[in-house]
């Protein structure tokens, strides 16, 4: 998923998404995290569980946010790899590649 795709899906400016992803914006607001999670199909309860590494337990707010952002970046990379595999399969079958926004 490109930054432009994420921008379209979650309604946050591309610059904001990029700053969150790269850590320039180290402590994004709850609404931003919620919108990004929703855009990639991840519920907030799943995001919390993944950020804690288990079903329960407490973590510091900054550590939890950092872990959640790392998980979002990981899921984005997995999504991009899946699209690449689909493109290869489509090409092998003689079809056109899947349309997606160019990376910036």
PDB file of N, CA and C in Angstrom:
ATOM      1  N   UNK A   1       0.851  -1.163   0.000  1.00  0.00           N
ATOM      2  CA  UNK A   1       0.000   0.000   0.000  1.00  0.00           C
ATOM      3  C   UNK A   1       0.902   1.232   0.000  1.00  0.00           C
ATOM      4  N   UNK A   2       0.642   2.128  -0.915  1.00  0.00           N
ATOM      5  CA  UNK A   2       1.444   3.342  -0.984  1.00  0.00           C
ATOM      6  C   UNK A   2       0.930   4.365   0.029  1.00  0.00           C
ATOM      7  N   UNK A   3       1.709   5.392   0.247  1.00  0.00           N
ATOM      8  CA  UNK A   3       1.295   6.482   1.132  1.00  0.00           C
ATOM      9  C   UNK A   3       0.022   7.117   0.578  1.00  0.00           C
ATOM     10  N   UNK A   4      -0.059   7.267  -0.735  1.00  0.00           N
ATOM     11  CA  UNK A   4      -1.256   7.857  -1.366  1.00  0.00           C
ATOM     12  C   UNK A   4      -2.488   6.974  -1.143  1.00  0.00           C
ATOM     13  N   UNK A   5      -2.311   5.653  -1.218  1.00  0.00           N
ATOM     14  CA  UNK A   5      -3.420   4.744  -0.927  1.00  0.00           C
ATOM     15  C   UNK A   5      -3.879   4.916   0.508  1.00  0.00           C
ATOM     16  N   UNK A   6      -2.912   4.979   1.421  1.00  0.00           N
ATOM     17  CA  UNK A   6      -3.243   5.157   2.840  1.00  0.00           C
ATOM     18  C   UNK A   6      -3.943   6.488   3.064  1.00  0.00           C
ATOM     19  N   UNK A   7      -3.482   7.522   2.382  1.00  0.00           N
ATOM     20  CA  UNK A   7      -4.097   8.848   2.493  1.00  0.00           C
ATOM     21  C   UNK A   7      -5.571   8.776   2.085  1.00  0.00           C
ATOM     22  N   UNK A   8      -5.817   8.110   0.980  1.00  0.00           N
ATOM     23  CA  UNK A   8      -7.187   7.988   0.472  1.00  0.00           C
ATOM     24  C   UNK A   8      -8.062   7.166   1.419  1.00  0.00           C
ATOM     25  N   UNK A   9      -7.501   6.082   1.965  1.00  0.00           N
ATOM     26  CA  UNK A   9      -8.281   5.198   2.818  1.00  0.00           C
ATOM     27  C   UNK A   9      -8.557   5.748   4.212  1.00  0.00           C
ATOM     28  N   UNK A  10      -7.585   6.456   4.784  1.00  0.00           N
ATOM     29  CA  UNK A  10      -7.789   6.896   6.169  1.00  0.00           C
ATOM     30  C   UNK A  10      -8.065   8.389   6.293  1.00  0.00           C
ATOM     31  N   UNK A  11      -7.900   9.148   5.212  1.00  0.00           N
ATOM     32  CA  UNK A  11      -8.250  10.558   5.249  1.00  0.00           C
ATOM     33  C   UNK A  11      -7.227  11.454   5.938  1.00  0.00           C
ATOM     34  N   UNK A  12      -6.047  10.927   6.223  1.00  0.00           N
ATOM     35  CA  UNK A  12      -4.979  11.749   6.790  1.00  0.00           C
ATOM     36  C   UNK A  12      -4.082  12.214   5.653  1.00  0.00           C
ATOM     37  N   UNK A  13      -3.482  13.404   5.774  1.00  0.00           N
ATOM     38  CA  UNK A  13      -2.561  13.851   4.731  1.00  0.00           C
ATOM     39  C   UNK A  13      -1.372  12.900   4.593  1.00  0.00           C
ATOM     40  N   UNK A  14      -0.879  12.754   3.374  1.00  0.00           N
ATOM     41  CA  UNK A  14       0.251  11.862   3.114  1.00  0.00           C
ATOM     42  C   UNK A  14       1.456  12.234   3.964  1.00  0.00           C
ATOM     43  N   UNK A  15       1.690  13.522   4.153  1.00  0.00           N
ATOM     44  CA  UNK A  15       2.821  13.963   4.971  1.00  0.00           C
ATOM     45  C   UNK A  15       2.709  13.491   6.407  1.00  0.00           C
ATOM     46  N   UNK A  16       1.497  13.533   6.943  1.00  0.00           N
ATOM     47  CA  UNK A  16       1.273  13.072   8.322  1.00  0.00           C
ATOM     48  C   UNK A  16       1.532  11.580   8.430  1.00  0.00           C
ATOM     49  N   UNK A  17       1.029  10.815   7.480  1.00  0.00           N
ATOM     50  CA  UNK A  17       1.231   9.365   7.490  1.00  0.00           C
ATOM     51  C   UNK A  17       2.718   9.045   7.406  1.00  0.00           C
ATOM     52  N   UNK A  18       3.416   9.729   6.519  1.00  0.00           N
ATOM     53  CA  UNK A  18       4.853   9.505   6.369  1.00  0.00           C
ATOM     54  C   UNK A  18       5.603   9.843   7.655  1.00  0.00           C
ATOM     55  N   UNK A  19       5.237  10.950   8.306  1.00  0.00           N
ATOM     56  CA  UNK A  19       5.888  11.340   9.564  1.00  0.00           C
ATOM     57  C   UNK A  19       5.648  10.309  10.655  1.00  0.00           C
ATOM     58  N   UNK A  20       4.442   9.760  10.705  1.00  0.00           N
ATOM     59  CA  UNK A  20       4.131   8.731  11.702  1.00  0.00           C
ATOM     60  C   UNK A  20       4.932   7.469  11.405  1.00  0.00           C
ATOM     61  N   UNK A  21       4.947   7.069  10.148  1.00  0.00           N
ATOM     62  CA  UNK A  21       5.630   5.837   9.747  1.00  0.00           C
ATOM     63  C   UNK A  21       7.136   5.901  10.003  1.00  0.00           C
ATOM     64  N   UNK A  22       7.731   7.063   9.765  1.00  0.00           N
ATOM     65  CA  UNK A  22       9.178   7.189   9.921  1.00  0.00           C
ATOM     66  C   UNK A  22       9.608   7.593  11.325  1.00  0.00           C
ATOM     67  N   UNK A  23       8.648   7.900  12.178  1.00  0.00           N
ATOM     68  CA  UNK A  23       8.964   8.257  13.558  1.00  0.00           C
ATOM     69  C   UNK A  23       9.228   9.730  13.776  1.00  0.00           C
ATOM     70  N   UNK A  24       9.114  10.544  12.729  1.00  0.00           N
ATOM     71  CA  UNK A  24       9.286  11.988  12.888  1.00  0.00           C
ATOM     72  C   UNK A  24       8.205  12.515  13.836  1.00  0.00           C
ATOM     73  N   UNK A  25       7.013  12.018  13.677  1.00  0.00           N
ATOM     74  CA  UNK A  25       5.917  12.342  14.599  1.00  0.00           C
ATOM     75  C   UNK A  25       5.841  11.165  15.567  1.00  0.00           C
ATOM     76  N   UNK A  26       6.580  11.282  16.660  1.00  0.00           N
ATOM     77  CA  UNK A  26       6.782  10.158  17.574  1.00  0.00           C
ATOM     78  C   UNK A  26       5.559   9.828  18.422  1.00  0.00           C
ATOM     79  N   UNK A  27       4.674  10.768  18.628  1.00  0.00           N
ATOM     80  CA  UNK A  27       3.539  10.526  19.514  1.00  0.00           C
ATOM     81  C   UNK A  27       2.250  10.995  18.841  1.00  0.00           C
ATOM     82  N   UNK A  28       1.799  10.261  17.791  1.00  0.00           N
ATOM     83  CA  UNK A  28       0.581  10.675  17.089  1.00  0.00           C
ATOM     84  C   UNK A  28      -0.637  10.512  17.981  1.00  0.00           C
ATOM     85  N   UNK A  29      -1.650  11.247  17.679  1.00  0.00           N
ATOM     86  CA  UNK A  29      -2.884  11.183  18.453  1.00  0.00           C
ATOM     87  C   UNK A  29      -3.635   9.882  18.239  1.00  0.00           C
ATOM     88  N   UNK A  30      -4.519   9.595  19.182  1.00  0.00           N
ATOM     89  CA  UNK A  30      -5.321   8.378  19.125  1.00  0.00           C
ATOM     90  C   UNK A  30      -6.134   8.305  17.842  1.00  0.00           C
ATOM     91  N   UNK A  31      -6.739   9.429  17.436  1.00  0.00           N
ATOM     92  CA  UNK A  31      -7.592   9.393  16.247  1.00  0.00           C
ATOM     93  C   UNK A  31      -6.792   9.050  14.993  1.00  0.00           C
ATOM     94  N   UNK A  32      -5.550   9.527  14.924  1.00  0.00           N
ATOM     95  CA  UNK A  32      -4.714   9.192  13.760  1.00  0.00           C
ATOM     96  C   UNK A  32      -4.409   7.704  13.723  1.00  0.00           C
ATOM     97  N   UNK A  33      -4.031   7.151  14.862  1.00  0.00           N
ATOM     98  CA  UNK A  33      -3.736   5.714  14.932  1.00  0.00           C
ATOM     99  C   UNK A  33      -4.993   4.904  14.606  1.00  0.00           C
ATOM    100  N   UNK A  34      -6.122   5.328  15.135  1.00  0.00           N
ATOM    101  CA  UNK A  34      -7.381   4.614  14.881  1.00  0.00           C
ATOM    102  C   UNK A  34      -7.731   4.636  13.397  1.00  0.00           C
ATOM    103  N   UNK A  35      -7.529   5.766  12.737  1.00  0.00           N
ATOM    104  CA  UNK A  35      -7.844   5.876  11.314  1.00  0.00           C
ATOM    105  C   UNK A  35      -6.915   5.010  10.471  1.00  0.00           C
ATOM    106  N   UNK A  36      -5.634   4.989  10.812  1.00  0.00           N
ATOM    107  CA  UNK A  36      -4.680   4.158  10.071  1.00  0.00           C
ATOM    108  C   UNK A  36      -4.993   2.682  10.281  1.00  0.00           C
ATOM    109  N   UNK A  37      -5.266   2.294  11.522  1.00  0.00           N
ATOM    110  CA  UNK A  37      -5.604   0.892  11.813  1.00  0.00           C
ATOM    111  C   UNK A  37      -6.831   0.468  11.023  1.00  0.00           C
ATOM    112  N   UNK A  38      -7.860   1.311  11.013  1.00  0.00           N
ATOM    113  CA  UNK A  38      -9.085   0.986  10.279  1.00  0.00           C
ATOM    114  C   UNK A  38      -8.801   0.851   8.779  1.00  0.00           C
ATOM    115  N   UNK A  39      -7.957   1.726   8.252  1.00  0.00           N
ATOM    116  CA  UNK A  39      -7.635   1.704   6.820  1.00  0.00           C
ATOM    117  C   UNK A  39      -6.955   0.412   6.401  1.00  0.00           C
ATOM    118  N   UNK A  40      -6.184  -0.201   7.305  1.00  0.00           N
ATOM    119  CA  UNK A  40      -5.504  -1.449   6.944  1.00  0.00           C
ATOM    120  C   UNK A  40      -6.272  -2.673   7.444  1.00  0.00           C
ATOM    121  N   UNK A  41      -7.496  -2.439   7.951  1.00  0.00           N
ATOM    122  CA  UNK A  41      -8.344  -3.550   8.357  1.00  0.00           C
ATOM    123  C   UNK A  41      -7.997  -4.145   9.706  1.00  0.00           C
ATOM    124  N   UNK A  42      -7.425  -3.345  10.567  1.00  0.00           N
ATOM    125  CA  UNK A  42      -7.027  -3.823  11.881  1.00  0.00           C
ATOM    126  C   UNK A  42      -7.875  -3.118  12.930  1.00  0.00           C
ATOM    127  N   UNK A  43      -8.592  -3.891  13.742  1.00  0.00           N
ATOM    128  CA  UNK A  43      -9.394  -3.322  14.810  1.00  0.00           C
ATOM    129  C   UNK A  43      -8.506  -2.820  15.929  1.00  0.00           C
ATOM    130  N   UNK A  44      -9.001  -1.854  16.667  1.00  0.00           N
ATOM    131  CA  UNK A  44      -8.208  -1.300  17.764  1.00  0.00           C
ATOM    132  C   UNK A  44      -7.875  -2.344  18.821  1.00  0.00           C
ATOM    133  N   UNK A  45      -8.792  -3.257  19.092  1.00  0.00           N
ATOM    134  CA  UNK A  45      -8.494  -4.311  20.073  1.00  0.00           C
ATOM    135  C   UNK A  45      -7.355  -5.198  19.571  1.00  0.00           C
ATOM    136  N   UNK A  46      -7.343  -5.500  18.262  1.00  0.00           N
ATOM    137  CA  UNK A  46      -6.236  -6.276  17.688  1.00  0.00           C
ATOM    138  C   UNK A  46      -4.927  -5.501  17.769  1.00  0.00           C
ATOM    139  N   UNK A  47      -4.997  -4.216  17.492  1.00  0.00           N
ATOM    140  CA  UNK A  47      -3.800  -3.382  17.536  1.00  0.00           C
ATOM    141  C   UNK A  47      -3.210  -3.346  18.943  1.00  0.00           C
ATOM    142  N   UNK A  48      -4.063  -3.220  19.929  1.00  0.00           N
ATOM    143  CA  UNK A  48      -3.587  -3.199  21.322  1.00  0.00           C
ATOM    144  C   UNK A  48      -2.961  -4.545  21.674  1.00  0.00           C
ATOM    145  N   UNK A  49      -3.629  -5.635  21.324  1.00  0.00           N
ATOM    146  CA  UNK A  49      -3.079  -6.968  21.618  1.00  0.00           C
ATOM    147  C   UNK A  49      -1.726  -7.167  20.941  1.00  0.00           C
ATOM    148  N   UNK A  50      -1.626  -6.755  19.679  1.00  0.00           N
ATOM    149  CA  UNK A  50      -0.363  -6.904  18.949  1.00  0.00           C
ATOM    150  C   UNK A  50       0.726  -6.032  19.552  1.00  0.00           C
ATOM    151  N   UNK A  51       0.360  -4.833  19.982  1.00  0.00           N
ATOM    152  CA  UNK A  51       1.375  -3.930  20.532  1.00  0.00           C
ATOM    153  C   UNK A  51       1.878  -4.418  21.883  1.00  0.00           C
ATOM    154  N   UNK A  52       1.032  -5.139  22.600  1.00  0.00           N
ATOM    155  CA  UNK A  52       1.443  -5.676  23.893  1.00  0.00           C
ATOM    156  C   UNK A  52       2.107  -7.034  23.753  1.00  0.00           C
ATOM    157  N   UNK A  53       1.928  -7.668  22.610  1.00  0.00           N
ATOM    158  CA  UNK A  53       2.533  -8.971  22.383  1.00  0.00           C
ATOM    159  C   UNK A  53       1.788 -10.102  23.062  1.00  0.00           C
ATOM    160  N   UNK A  54       0.650  -9.801  23.636  1.00  0.00           N
ATOM    161  CA  UNK A  54      -0.162 -10.815  24.303  1.00  0.00           C
ATOM    162  C   UNK A  54      -1.558 -10.248  24.538  1.00  0.00           C
ATOM    163  N   UNK A  55      -2.427 -11.044  25.109  1.00  0.00           N
ATOM    164  CA  UNK A  55      -3.805 -10.620  25.311  1.00  0.00           C
ATOM    165  C   UNK A  55      -3.961  -9.650  26.475  1.00  0.00           C
ATOM    166  N   UNK A  56      -3.041  -9.610  27.394  1.00  0.00           N
ATOM    167  CA  UNK A  56      -3.192  -8.722  28.535  1.00  0.00           C
ATOM    168  C   UNK A  56      -1.890  -8.062  28.880  1.00  0.00           C
ATOM    169  N   UNK A  57      -1.888  -7.321  29.978  1.00  0.00           N
ATOM    170  CA  UNK A  57      -0.673  -6.666  30.444  1.00  0.00           C
ATOM    171  C   UNK A  57      -0.657  -5.211  30.068  1.00  0.00           C
ATOM    172  N   UNK A  58       0.123  -4.440  30.795  1.00  0.00           N
ATOM    173  CA  UNK A  58       0.184  -3.006  30.555  1.00  0.00           C
ATOM    174  C   UNK A  58       1.554  -2.637  30.000  1.00  0.00           C
ATOM    175  N   UNK A  59       1.553  -1.649  29.113  1.00  0.00           N
ATOM    176  CA  UNK A  59       2.799  -1.095  28.602  1.00  0.00           C
ATOM    177  C   UNK A  59       2.716   0.410  28.737  1.00  0.00           C
ATOM    178  N   UNK A  60       3.862   1.055  28.684  1.00  0.00           N
ATOM    179  CA  UNK A  60       3.832   2.516  28.724  1.00  0.00           C
ATOM    180  C   UNK A  60       3.189   3.019  27.445  1.00  0.00           C
ATOM    181  N   UNK A  61       2.609   4.201  27.509  1.00  0.00           N
ATOM    182  CA  UNK A  61       1.920   4.773  26.360  1.00  0.00           C
ATOM    183  C   UNK A  61       2.841   4.915  25.158  1.00  0.00           C
ATOM    184  N   UNK A  62       4.027   5.487  25.346  1.00  0.00           N
ATOM    185  CA  UNK A  62       4.939   5.689  24.220  1.00  0.00           C
ATOM    186  C   UNK A  62       5.431   4.372  23.654  1.00  0.00           C
ATOM    187  N   UNK A  63       5.717   3.411  24.511  1.00  0.00           N
ATOM    188  CA  UNK A  63       6.165   2.107  24.036  1.00  0.00           C
ATOM    189  C   UNK A  63       5.052   1.427  23.253  1.00  0.00           C
ATOM    190  N   UNK A  64       3.826   1.524  23.747  1.00  0.00           N
ATOM    191  CA  UNK A  64       2.691   0.931  23.046  1.00  0.00           C
ATOM    192  C   UNK A  64       2.460   1.554  21.689  1.00  0.00           C
ATOM    193  N   UNK A  65       2.564   2.880  21.606  1.00  0.00           N
ATOM    194  CA  UNK A  65       2.388   3.574  20.330  1.00  0.00           C
ATOM    195  C   UNK A  65       3.497   3.185  19.365  1.00  0.00           C
ATOM    196  N   UNK A  66       4.737   3.163  19.849  1.00  0.00           N
ATOM    197  CA  UNK A  66       5.861   2.796  18.986  1.00  0.00           C
ATOM    198  C   UNK A  66       5.701   1.377  18.453  1.00  0.00           C
ATOM    199  N   UNK A  67       5.273   0.468  19.313  1.00  0.00           N
ATOM    200  CA  UNK A  67       5.071  -0.914  18.890  1.00  0.00           C
ATOM    201  C   UNK A  67       3.929  -1.005  17.887  1.00  0.00           C
ATOM    202  N   UNK A  68       2.853  -0.254  18.140  1.00  0.00           N
ATOM    203  CA  UNK A  68       1.720  -0.252  17.214  1.00  0.00           C
ATOM    204  C   UNK A  68       2.138   0.283  15.855  1.00  0.00           C
ATOM    205  N   UNK A  69       2.936   1.343  15.833  1.00  0.00           N
ATOM    206  CA  UNK A  69       3.407   1.900  14.569  1.00  0.00           C
ATOM    207  C   UNK A  69       4.310   0.917  13.827  1.00  0.00           C
ATOM    208  N   UNK A  70       5.133   0.215  14.565  1.00  0.00           N
ATOM    209  CA  UNK A  70       5.982  -0.798  13.941  1.00  0.00           C
ATOM    210  C   UNK A  70       5.116  -1.899  13.324  1.00  0.00           C
ATOM    211  N   UNK A  71       4.065  -2.265  14.010  1.00  0.00           N
ATOM    212  CA  UNK A  71       3.147  -3.291  13.494  1.00  0.00           C
ATOM    213  C   UNK A  71       2.444  -2.796  12.234  1.00  0.00           C
ATOM    214  N   UNK A  72       2.043  -1.532  12.223  1.00  0.00           N
ATOM    215  CA  UNK A  72       1.404  -0.957  11.034  1.00  0.00           C
ATOM    216  C   UNK A  72       2.377  -0.987   9.863  1.00  0.00           C
ATOM    217  N   UNK A  73       3.629  -0.611  10.096  1.00  0.00           N
ATOM    218  CA  UNK A  73       4.634  -0.639   9.031  1.00  0.00           C
ATOM    219  C   UNK A  73       4.843  -2.065   8.519  1.00  0.00           C
ATOM    220  N   UNK A  74       4.864  -3.033   9.438  1.00  0.00           N
ATOM    221  CA  UNK A  74       5.032  -4.439   9.058  1.00  0.00           C
ATOM    222  C   UNK A  74       3.854  -4.908   8.198  1.00  0.00           C
ATOM    223  N   UNK A  75       2.643  -4.554   8.603  1.00  0.00           N
ATOM    224  CA  UNK A  75       1.457  -4.954   7.841  1.00  0.00           C
ATOM    225  C   UNK A  75       1.434  -4.289   6.469  1.00  0.00           C
ATOM    226  N   UNK A  76       1.908  -3.058   6.399  1.00  0.00           N
ATOM    227  CA  UNK A  76       1.969  -2.368   5.118  1.00  0.00           C
ATOM    228  C   UNK A  76       2.944  -3.085   4.188  1.00  0.00           C
ATOM    229  N   UNK A  77       4.093  -3.472   4.718  1.00  0.00           N
ATOM    230  CA  UNK A  77       5.084  -4.185   3.909  1.00  0.00           C
ATOM    231  C   UNK A  77       4.528  -5.527   3.433  1.00  0.00           C
ATOM    232  N   UNK A  78       3.822  -6.234   4.309  1.00  0.00           N
ATOM    233  CA  UNK A  78       3.209  -7.512   3.933  1.00  0.00           C
ATOM    234  C   UNK A  78       2.193  -7.305   2.824  1.00  0.00           C
ATOM    235  N   UNK A  79       1.417  -6.234   2.910  1.00  0.00           N
ATOM    236  CA  UNK A  79       0.425  -5.918   1.889  1.00  0.00           C
ATOM    237  C   UNK A  79       1.101  -5.658   0.545  1.00  0.00           C
ATOM    238  N   UNK A  80       2.192  -4.894   0.559  1.00  0.00           N
ATOM    239  CA  UNK A  80       2.916  -4.607  -0.679  1.00  0.00           C
ATOM    240  C   UNK A  80       3.483  -5.880  -1.295  1.00  0.00           C
ATOM    241  N   UNK A  81       4.018  -6.782  -0.453  1.00  0.00           N
ATOM    242  CA  UNK A  81       4.542  -8.055  -0.978  1.00  0.00           C
ATOM    243  C   UNK A  81       3.426  -8.895  -1.590  1.00  0.00           C
ATOM    244  N   UNK A  82       2.255  -8.883  -0.973  1.00  0.00           N
ATOM    245  CA  UNK A  82       1.127  -9.650  -1.501  1.00  0.00           C
ATOM    246  C   UNK A  82       0.700  -9.100  -2.860  1.00  0.00           C
ATOM    247  N   UNK A  83       0.675  -7.793  -3.006  1.00  0.00           N
ATOM    248  CA  UNK A  83       0.322  -7.187  -4.295  1.00  0.00           C
ATOM    249  C   UNK A  83       1.348  -7.564  -5.356  1.00  0.00           C
ATOM    250  N   UNK A  84       2.628  -7.551  -4.987  1.00  0.00           N
ATOM    251  CA  UNK A  84       3.669  -7.952  -5.940  1.00  0.00           C
ATOM    252  C   UNK A  84       3.480  -9.389  -6.387  1.00  0.00           C
ATOM    253  N   UNK A  85       3.135 -10.290  -5.453  1.00  0.00           N
ATOM    254  CA  UNK A  85       2.896 -11.695  -5.821  1.00  0.00           C
ATOM    255  C   UNK A  85       1.682 -11.818  -6.730  1.00  0.00           C
ATOM    256  N   UNK A  86       0.634 -11.043  -6.459  1.00  0.00           N
ATOM    257  CA  UNK A  86      -0.550 -11.066  -7.313  1.00  0.00           C
ATOM    258  C   UNK A  86      -0.223 -10.549  -8.710  1.00  0.00           C
ATOM    259  N   UNK A  87       0.601  -9.501  -8.785  1.00  0.00           N
ATOM    260  CA  UNK A  87       1.022  -8.984 -10.086  1.00  0.00           C
ATOM    261  C   UNK A  87       1.780 -10.041 -10.883  1.00  0.00           C
ATOM    262  N   UNK A  88       2.685 -10.759 -10.219  1.00  0.00           N
ATOM    263  CA  UNK A  88       3.432 -11.819 -10.894  1.00  0.00           C
ATOM    264  C   UNK A  88       2.500 -12.913 -11.408  1.00  0.00           C
ATOM    265  N   UNK A  89       1.543 -13.294 -10.573  1.00  0.00           N
ATOM    266  CA  UNK A  89       0.593 -14.331 -10.977  1.00  0.00           C
ATOM    267  C   UNK A  89      -0.268 -13.854 -12.144  1.00  0.00           C
ATOM    268  N   UNK A  90      -0.723 -12.608 -12.086  1.00  0.00           N
ATOM    269  CA  UNK A  90      -1.541 -12.063 -13.170  1.00  0.00           C
ATOM    270  C   UNK A  90      -0.748 -11.989 -14.465  1.00  0.00           C
ATOM    271  N   UNK A  91       0.516 -11.578 -14.368  1.00  0.00           N
ATOM    272  CA  UNK A  91       1.378 -11.505 -15.548  1.00  0.00           C
ATOM    273  C   UNK A  91       1.586 -12.897 -16.138  1.00  0.00           C
ATOM    274  N   UNK A  92       1.790 -13.883 -15.283  1.00  0.00           N
ATOM    275  CA  UNK A  92       1.983 -15.257 -15.752  1.00  0.00           C
ATOM    276  C   UNK A  92       0.738 -15.774 -16.475  1.00  0.00           C
ATOM    277  N   UNK A  93      -0.418 -15.275 -16.079  1.00  0.00           N
ATOM    278  CA  UNK A  93      -1.667 -15.696 -16.713  1.00  0.00           C
ATOM    279  C   UNK A  93      -2.031 -14.815 -17.907  1.00  0.00           C
ATOM    280  N   UNK A  94      -1.159 -13.831 -18.197  1.00  0.00           N
ATOM    281  CA  UNK A  94      -1.400 -12.962 -19.346  1.00  0.00           C
ATOM    282  C   UNK A  94      -2.324 -11.800 -19.061  1.00  0.00           C
ATOM    283  N   UNK A  95      -2.609 -11.538 -17.808  1.00  0.00           N
ATOM    284  CA  UNK A  95      -3.492 -10.431 -17.446  1.00  0.00           C
ATOM    285  C   UNK A  95      -2.664  -9.190 -17.144  1.00  0.00           C
ATOM    286  N   UNK A  96      -3.330  -8.075 -17.031  1.00  0.00           N
ATOM    287  CA  UNK A  96      -2.653  -6.828 -16.664  1.00  0.00           C
ATOM    288  C   UNK A  96      -2.354  -6.831 -15.178  1.00  0.00           C
ATOM    289  N   UNK A  97      -1.363  -6.039 -14.806  1.00  0.00           N
ATOM    290  CA  UNK A  97      -1.015  -5.930 -13.398  1.00  0.00           C
ATOM    291  C   UNK A  97      -2.118  -5.209 -12.635  1.00  0.00           C
ATOM    292  N   UNK A  98      -2.168  -5.457 -11.345  1.00  0.00           N
ATOM    293  CA  UNK A  98      -3.136  -4.812 -10.470  1.00  0.00           C
ATOM    294  C   UNK A  98      -2.813  -3.329 -10.422  1.00  0.00           C
ATOM    295  N   UNK A  99      -3.837  -2.511 -10.561  1.00  0.00           N
ATOM    296  CA  UNK A  99      -3.630  -1.071 -10.533  1.00  0.00           C
ATOM    297  C   UNK A  99      -3.424  -0.618  -9.121  1.00  0.00           C
ATOM    298  N   UNK A 100      -2.387   0.186  -8.900  1.00  0.00           N
ATOM    299  CA  UNK A 100      -2.148   0.774  -7.591  1.00  0.00           C
ATOM    300  C   UNK A 100      -1.436   2.096  -7.802  1.00  0.00           C
ATOM    301  N   UNK A 101      -1.494   2.935  -6.797  1.00  0.00           N
ATOM    302  CA  UNK A 101      -0.864   4.247  -6.879  1.00  0.00           C
ATOM    303  C   UNK A 101       0.644   4.087  -6.911  1.00  0.00           C
ATOM    304  N   UNK A 102       1.321   4.941  -7.646  1.00  0.00           N
ATOM    305  CA  UNK A 102       2.797   4.870  -7.648  1.00  0.00           C
ATOM    306  C   UNK A 102       3.344   5.284  -6.291  1.00  0.00           C
ATOM    307  N   UNK A 103       4.475   4.661  -5.915  1.00  0.00           N
ATOM    308  CA  UNK A 103       5.121   5.001  -4.642  1.00  0.00           C
ATOM    309  C   UNK A 103       5.791   6.340  -4.761  1.00  0.00           C
ATOM    310  N   UNK A 104       5.750   7.089  -3.691  1.00  0.00           N
ATOM    311  CA  UNK A 104       6.418   8.401  -3.661  1.00  0.00           C
ATOM    312  C   UNK A 104       7.299   8.473  -2.479  1.00  0.00           C
TER     313      UNK A 104
END
